[in-house]
Amino acid sequence: MKNMEMRLEGTKLTITVDISREFGMSTSGKSLIIASSEGNISIPGKEEVKIGLNVYKKP
């Protein structure tokens, strides 16, 4: 994971991303990456539930 934190409290999932950070250009070169789960991953404490997250902006 890049620049993201997940927390599960009961049935509520909270995702935190610092939008001031940048990790360079995407592979396609069309977007500037801010945060990524880097594919589909399990939610902490609920292995059967998956998430895929990308946060980006135009360069």
PDB file of N, CA and C in Angstrom:
ATOM      1  N   MET A   1       0.844  -1.186   0.000  1.00  0.00           N
ATOM      2  CA  MET A   1       0.000   0.000   0.000  1.00  0.00           C
ATOM      3  C   MET A   1       0.882   1.239   0.000  1.00  0.00           C
ATOM      4  N   LYS A   2       0.420   2.230  -0.702  1.00  0.00           N
ATOM      5  CA  LYS A   2       1.113   3.509  -0.724  1.00  0.00           C
ATOM      6  C   LYS A   2       0.190   4.581  -0.159  1.00  0.00           C
ATOM      7  N   ASN A   3       0.614   5.219   0.938  1.00  0.00           N
ATOM      8  CA  ASN A   3      -0.043   6.405   1.465  1.00  0.00           C
ATOM      9  C   ASN A   3      -1.518   6.190   1.797  1.00  0.00           C
ATOM     10  N   MET A   4      -1.854   5.046   2.356  1.00  0.00           N
ATOM     11  CA  MET A   4      -3.223   4.832   2.808  1.00  0.00           C
ATOM     12  C   MET A   4      -3.236   3.969   4.056  1.00  0.00           C
ATOM     13  N   GLU A   5      -4.165   4.278   4.934  1.00  0.00           N
ATOM     14  CA  GLU A   5      -4.356   3.501   6.152  1.00  0.00           C
ATOM     15  C   GLU A   5      -5.825   3.100   6.209  1.00  0.00           C
ATOM     16  N   MET A   6      -6.084   1.880   6.677  1.00  0.00           N
ATOM     17  CA  MET A   6      -7.452   1.405   6.831  1.00  0.00           C
ATOM     18  C   MET A   6      -7.681   1.010   8.280  1.00  0.00           C
ATOM     19  N   ARG A   7      -8.891   1.301   8.760  1.00  0.00           N
ATOM     20  CA  ARG A   7      -9.262   0.923  10.118  1.00  0.00           C
ATOM     21  C   ARG A   7     -10.714   0.455  10.090  1.00  0.00           C
ATOM     22  N   LEU A   8     -10.968  -0.714  10.650  1.00  0.00           N
ATOM     23  CA  LEU A   8     -12.315  -1.257  10.730  1.00  0.00           C
ATOM     24  C   LEU A   8     -12.796  -1.167  12.172  1.00  0.00           C
ATOM     25  N   GLU A   9     -13.890  -0.464  12.374  1.00  0.00           N
ATOM     26  CA  GLU A   9     -14.499  -0.334  13.695  1.00  0.00           C
ATOM     27  C   GLU A   9     -15.939  -0.806  13.573  1.00  0.00           C
ATOM     28  N   GLY A  10     -16.210  -2.014  14.072  1.00  0.00           N
ATOM     29  CA  GLY A  10     -17.537  -2.595  13.898  1.00  0.00           C
ATOM     30  C   GLY A  10     -17.765  -2.886  12.426  1.00  0.00           C
ATOM     31  N   THR A  11     -18.745  -2.228  11.855  1.00  0.00           N
ATOM     32  CA  THR A  11     -19.035  -2.408  10.431  1.00  0.00           C
ATOM     33  C   THR A  11     -18.604  -1.203   9.589  1.00  0.00           C
ATOM     34  N   LYS A  12     -17.869  -0.287  10.174  1.00  0.00           N
ATOM     35  CA  LYS A  12     -17.435   0.931   9.479  1.00  0.00           C
ATOM     36  C   LYS A  12     -15.958   0.857   9.125  1.00  0.00           C
ATOM     37  N   LEU A  13     -15.653   1.018   7.840  1.00  0.00           N
ATOM     38  CA  LEU A  13     -14.273   1.054   7.360  1.00  0.00           C
ATOM     39  C   LEU A  13     -13.871   2.503   7.140  1.00  0.00           C
ATOM     40  N   THR A  14     -12.770   2.908   7.757  1.00  0.00           N
ATOM     41  CA  THR A  14     -12.252   4.257   7.580  1.00  0.00           C
ATOM     42  C   THR A  14     -10.932   4.164   6.815  1.00  0.00           C
ATOM     43  N   ILE A  15     -10.833   4.933   5.740  1.00  0.00           N
ATOM     44  CA  ILE A  15      -9.612   4.978   4.930  1.00  0.00           C
ATOM     45  C   ILE A  15      -9.048   6.386   5.033  1.00  0.00           C
ATOM     46  N   THR A  16      -7.763   6.474   5.355  1.00  0.00           N
ATOM     47  CA  THR A  16      -7.100   7.773   5.479  1.00  0.00           C
ATOM     48  C   THR A  16      -6.015   7.882   4.423  1.00  0.00           C
ATOM     49  N   VAL A  17      -6.027   9.006   3.682  1.00  0.00           N
ATOM     50  CA  VAL A  17      -5.040   9.288   2.641  1.00  0.00           C
ATOM     51  C   VAL A  17      -4.560  10.719   2.827  1.00  0.00           C
ATOM     52  N   ASP A  18      -3.246  10.927   2.795  1.00  0.00           N
ATOM     53  CA  ASP A  18      -2.667  12.271   2.842  1.00  0.00           C
ATOM     54  C   ASP A  18      -2.577  12.773   1.407  1.00  0.00           C
ATOM     55  N   ILE A  19      -3.491  13.666   1.011  1.00  0.00           N
ATOM     56  CA  ILE A  19      -3.537  14.100  -0.385  1.00  0.00           C
ATOM     57  C   ILE A  19      -2.418  15.086  -0.754  1.00  0.00           C
ATOM     58  N   SER A  20      -1.563  15.436   0.198  1.00  0.00           N
ATOM     59  CA  SER A  20      -0.431  16.319  -0.116  1.00  0.00           C
ATOM     60  C   SER A  20       0.764  15.537  -0.664  1.00  0.00           C
ATOM     61  N   ARG A  21       0.725  14.198  -0.562  1.00  0.00           N
ATOM     62  CA  ARG A  21       1.851  13.374  -1.017  1.00  0.00           C
ATOM     63  C   ARG A  21       1.663  12.954  -2.473  1.00  0.00           C
ATOM     64  N   GLU A  22       2.766  12.700  -3.151  1.00  0.00           N
ATOM     65  CA  GLU A  22       2.748  12.227  -4.535  1.00  0.00           C
ATOM     66  C   GLU A  22       3.797  11.145  -4.700  1.00  0.00           C
ATOM     67  N   PHE A  23       3.502  10.173  -5.566  1.00  0.00           N
ATOM     68  CA  PHE A  23       4.400   9.044  -5.781  1.00  0.00           C
ATOM     69  C   PHE A  23       4.816   8.897  -7.231  1.00  0.00           C
ATOM     70  N   GLY A  24       4.759   9.963  -7.981  1.00  0.00           N
ATOM     71  CA  GLY A  24       5.192   9.924  -9.369  1.00  0.00           C
ATOM     72  C   GLY A  24       4.064   9.579 -10.316  1.00  0.00           C
ATOM     73  N   MET A  25       4.421   9.459 -11.574  1.00  0.00           N
ATOM     74  CA  MET A  25       3.456   9.227 -12.630  1.00  0.00           C
ATOM     75  C   MET A  25       3.013   7.766 -12.662  1.00  0.00           C
ATOM     76  N   SER A  26       1.796   7.559 -13.138  1.00  0.00           N
ATOM     77  CA  SER A  26       1.290   6.207 -13.353  1.00  0.00           C
ATOM     78  C   SER A  26       2.059   5.571 -14.506  1.00  0.00           C
ATOM     79  N   THR A  27       1.884   4.272 -14.675  1.00  0.00           N
ATOM     80  CA  THR A  27       2.565   3.564 -15.765  1.00  0.00           C
ATOM     81  C   THR A  27       2.187   4.143 -17.119  1.00  0.00           C
ATOM     82  N   SER A  28       0.936   4.539 -17.280  1.00  0.00           N
ATOM     83  CA  SER A  28       0.480   5.107 -18.554  1.00  0.00           C
ATOM     84  C   SER A  28       0.997   6.523 -18.773  1.00  0.00           C
ATOM     85  N   GLY A  29       1.415   7.194 -17.698  1.00  0.00           N
ATOM     86  CA  GLY A  29       1.897   8.564 -17.797  1.00  0.00           C
ATOM     87  C   GLY A  29       0.798   9.604 -17.848  1.00  0.00           C
ATOM     88  N   LYS A  30      -0.445   9.198 -17.603  1.00  0.00           N
ATOM     89  CA  LYS A  30      -1.578  10.120 -17.678  1.00  0.00           C
ATOM     90  C   LYS A  30      -1.969  10.716 -16.335  1.00  0.00           C
ATOM     91  N   SER A  31      -1.515  10.105 -15.242  1.00  0.00           N
ATOM     92  CA  SER A  31      -1.943  10.535 -13.909  1.00  0.00           C
ATOM     93  C   SER A  31      -0.772  10.573 -12.937  1.00  0.00           C
ATOM     94  N   LEU A  32      -0.901  11.422 -11.934  1.00  0.00           N
ATOM     95  CA  LEU A  32       0.065  11.519 -10.853  1.00  0.00           C
ATOM     96  C   LEU A  32      -0.509  10.775  -9.649  1.00  0.00           C
ATOM     97  N   ILE A  33       0.169   9.758  -9.177  1.00  0.00           N
ATOM     98  CA  ILE A  33      -0.342   8.898  -8.114  1.00  0.00           C
ATOM     99  C   ILE A  33      -0.211   9.577  -6.760  1.00  0.00           C
ATOM    100  N   ILE A  34      -1.310   9.584  -5.998  1.00  0.00           N
ATOM    101  CA  ILE A  34      -1.327  10.117  -4.636  1.00  0.00           C
ATOM    102  C   ILE A  34      -1.361   8.972  -3.626  1.00  0.00           C
ATOM    103  N   ALA A  35      -2.161   7.942  -3.903  1.00  0.00           N
ATOM    104  CA  ALA A  35      -2.257   6.782  -3.015  1.00  0.00           C
ATOM    105  C   ALA A  35      -2.748   5.586  -3.812  1.00  0.00           C
ATOM    106  N   SER A  36      -2.392   4.394  -3.358  1.00  0.00           N
ATOM    107  CA  SER A  36      -2.838   3.184  -4.038  1.00  0.00           C
ATOM    108  C   SER A  36      -2.783   1.989  -3.100  1.00  0.00           C
ATOM    109  N   SER A  37      -3.756   1.114  -3.249  1.00  0.00           N
ATOM    110  CA  SER A  37      -3.712  -0.162  -2.539  1.00  0.00           C
ATOM    111  C   SER A  37      -2.818  -1.137  -3.299  1.00  0.00           C
ATOM    112  N   GLU A  38      -2.413  -0.765  -4.491  1.00  0.00           N
ATOM    113  CA  GLU A  38      -1.554  -1.577  -5.363  1.00  0.00           C
ATOM    114  C   GLU A  38      -2.206  -2.926  -5.668  1.00  0.00           C
ATOM    115  N   GLY A  39      -3.458  -2.863  -6.081  1.00  0.00           N
ATOM    116  CA  GLY A  39      -4.231  -4.065  -6.385  1.00  0.00           C
ATOM    117  C   GLY A  39      -5.312  -4.271  -5.349  1.00  0.00           C
ATOM    118  N   ASN A  40      -6.016  -5.369  -5.467  1.00  0.00           N
ATOM    119  CA  ASN A  40      -7.083  -5.685  -4.516  1.00  0.00           C
ATOM    120  C   ASN A  40      -6.485  -6.356  -3.294  1.00  0.00           C
ATOM    121  N   ILE A  41      -6.854  -5.849  -2.117  1.00  0.00           N
ATOM    122  CA  ILE A  41      -6.319  -6.382  -0.861  1.00  0.00           C
ATOM    123  C   ILE A  41      -7.466  -6.618   0.113  1.00  0.00           C
ATOM    124  N   SER A  42      -7.218  -7.450   1.111  1.00  0.00           N
ATOM    125  CA  SER A  42      -8.217  -7.725   2.143  1.00  0.00           C
ATOM    126  C   SER A  42      -8.302  -6.579   3.135  1.00  0.00           C
ATOM    127  N   ILE A  43      -9.501  -6.376   3.651  1.00  0.00           N
ATOM    128  CA  ILE A  43      -9.721  -5.388   4.697  1.00  0.00           C
ATOM    129  C   ILE A  43      -9.264  -5.998   6.025  1.00  0.00           C
ATOM    130  N   PRO A  44      -8.552  -5.239   6.863  1.00  0.00           N
ATOM    131  CA  PRO A  44      -8.079  -5.780   8.146  1.00  0.00           C
ATOM    132  C   PRO A  44      -9.226  -6.350   8.973  1.00  0.00           C
ATOM    133  N   GLY A  45      -9.079  -7.593   9.395  1.00  0.00           N
ATOM    134  CA  GLY A  45     -10.086  -8.223  10.231  1.00  0.00           C
ATOM    135  C   GLY A  45     -11.234  -8.856   9.468  1.00  0.00           C
ATOM    136  N   LYS A  46     -11.279  -8.680   8.147  1.00  0.00           N
ATOM    137  CA  LYS A  46     -12.329  -9.251   7.303  1.00  0.00           C
ATOM    138  C   LYS A  46     -11.690  -9.741   6.002  1.00  0.00           C
ATOM    139  N   GLU A  47     -10.968 -10.820   6.094  1.00  0.00           N
ATOM    140  CA  GLU A  47     -10.202 -11.320   4.946  1.00  0.00           C
ATOM    141  C   GLU A  47     -11.064 -11.579   3.717  1.00  0.00           C
ATOM    142  N   GLU A  48     -12.360 -11.856   3.907  1.00  0.00           N
ATOM    143  CA  GLU A  48     -13.228 -12.161   2.775  1.00  0.00           C
ATOM    144  C   GLU A  48     -13.686 -10.908   2.027  1.00  0.00           C
ATOM    145  N   VAL A  49     -13.460  -9.725   2.613  1.00  0.00           N
ATOM    146  CA  VAL A  49     -13.848  -8.457   1.992  1.00  0.00           C
ATOM    147  C   VAL A  49     -12.604  -7.811   1.393  1.00  0.00           C
ATOM    148  N   LYS A  50     -12.705  -7.452   0.125  1.00  0.00           N
ATOM    149  CA  LYS A  50     -11.554  -6.885  -0.599  1.00  0.00           C
ATOM    150  C   LYS A  50     -11.809  -5.426  -0.964  1.00  0.00           C
ATOM    151  N   ILE A  51     -10.716  -4.701  -1.174  1.00  0.00           N
ATOM    152  CA  ILE A  51     -10.793  -3.316  -1.630  1.00  0.00           C
ATOM    153  C   ILE A  51      -9.667  -3.067  -2.624  1.00  0.00           C
ATOM    154  N   GLY A  52      -9.969  -2.245  -3.624  1.00  0.00           N
ATOM    155  CA  GLY A  52      -8.955  -1.752  -4.552  1.00  0.00           C
ATOM    156  C   GLY A  52      -9.098  -0.248  -4.609  1.00  0.00           C
ATOM    157  N   LEU A  53      -8.050   0.485  -4.275  1.00  0.00           N
ATOM    158  CA  LEU A  53      -8.136   1.935  -4.171  1.00  0.00           C
ATOM    159  C   LEU A  53      -7.023   2.593  -4.973  1.00  0.00           C
ATOM    160  N   ASN A  54      -7.393   3.605  -5.767  1.00  0.00           N
ATOM    161  CA  ASN A  54      -6.422   4.459  -6.445  1.00  0.00           C
ATOM    162  C   ASN A  54      -6.866   5.897  -6.255  1.00  0.00           C
ATOM    163  N   VAL A  55      -5.947   6.744  -5.790  1.00  0.00           N
ATOM    164  CA  VAL A  55      -6.203   8.171  -5.668  1.00  0.00           C
ATOM    165  C   VAL A  55      -5.154   8.859  -6.529  1.00  0.00           C
ATOM    166  N   TYR A  56      -5.620   9.704  -7.462  1.00  0.00           N
ATOM    167  CA  TYR A  56      -4.687  10.308  -8.411  1.00  0.00           C
ATOM    168  C   TYR A  56      -5.213  11.664  -8.867  1.00  0.00           C
ATOM    169  N   LYS A  57      -4.351  12.389  -9.569  1.00  0.00           N
ATOM    170  CA  LYS A  57      -4.759  13.668 -10.155  1.00  0.00           C
ATOM    171  C   LYS A  57      -4.058  13.826 -11.491  1.00  0.00           C
ATOM    172  N   LYS A  58      -4.552  14.753 -12.271  1.00  0.00           N
ATOM    173  CA  LYS A  58      -3.918  15.059 -13.547  1.00  0.00           C
ATOM    174  C   LYS A  58      -2.624  15.825 -13.281  1.00  0.00           C
ATOM    175  N   PRO A  59      -1.588  15.533 -14.045  1.00  0.00           N
ATOM    176  CA  PRO A  59      -0.298  16.221 -13.825  1.00  0.00           C
ATOM    177  C   PRO A  59      -0.351  17.688 -14.212  1.00  0.00           C
TER     178      PRO A  59
END
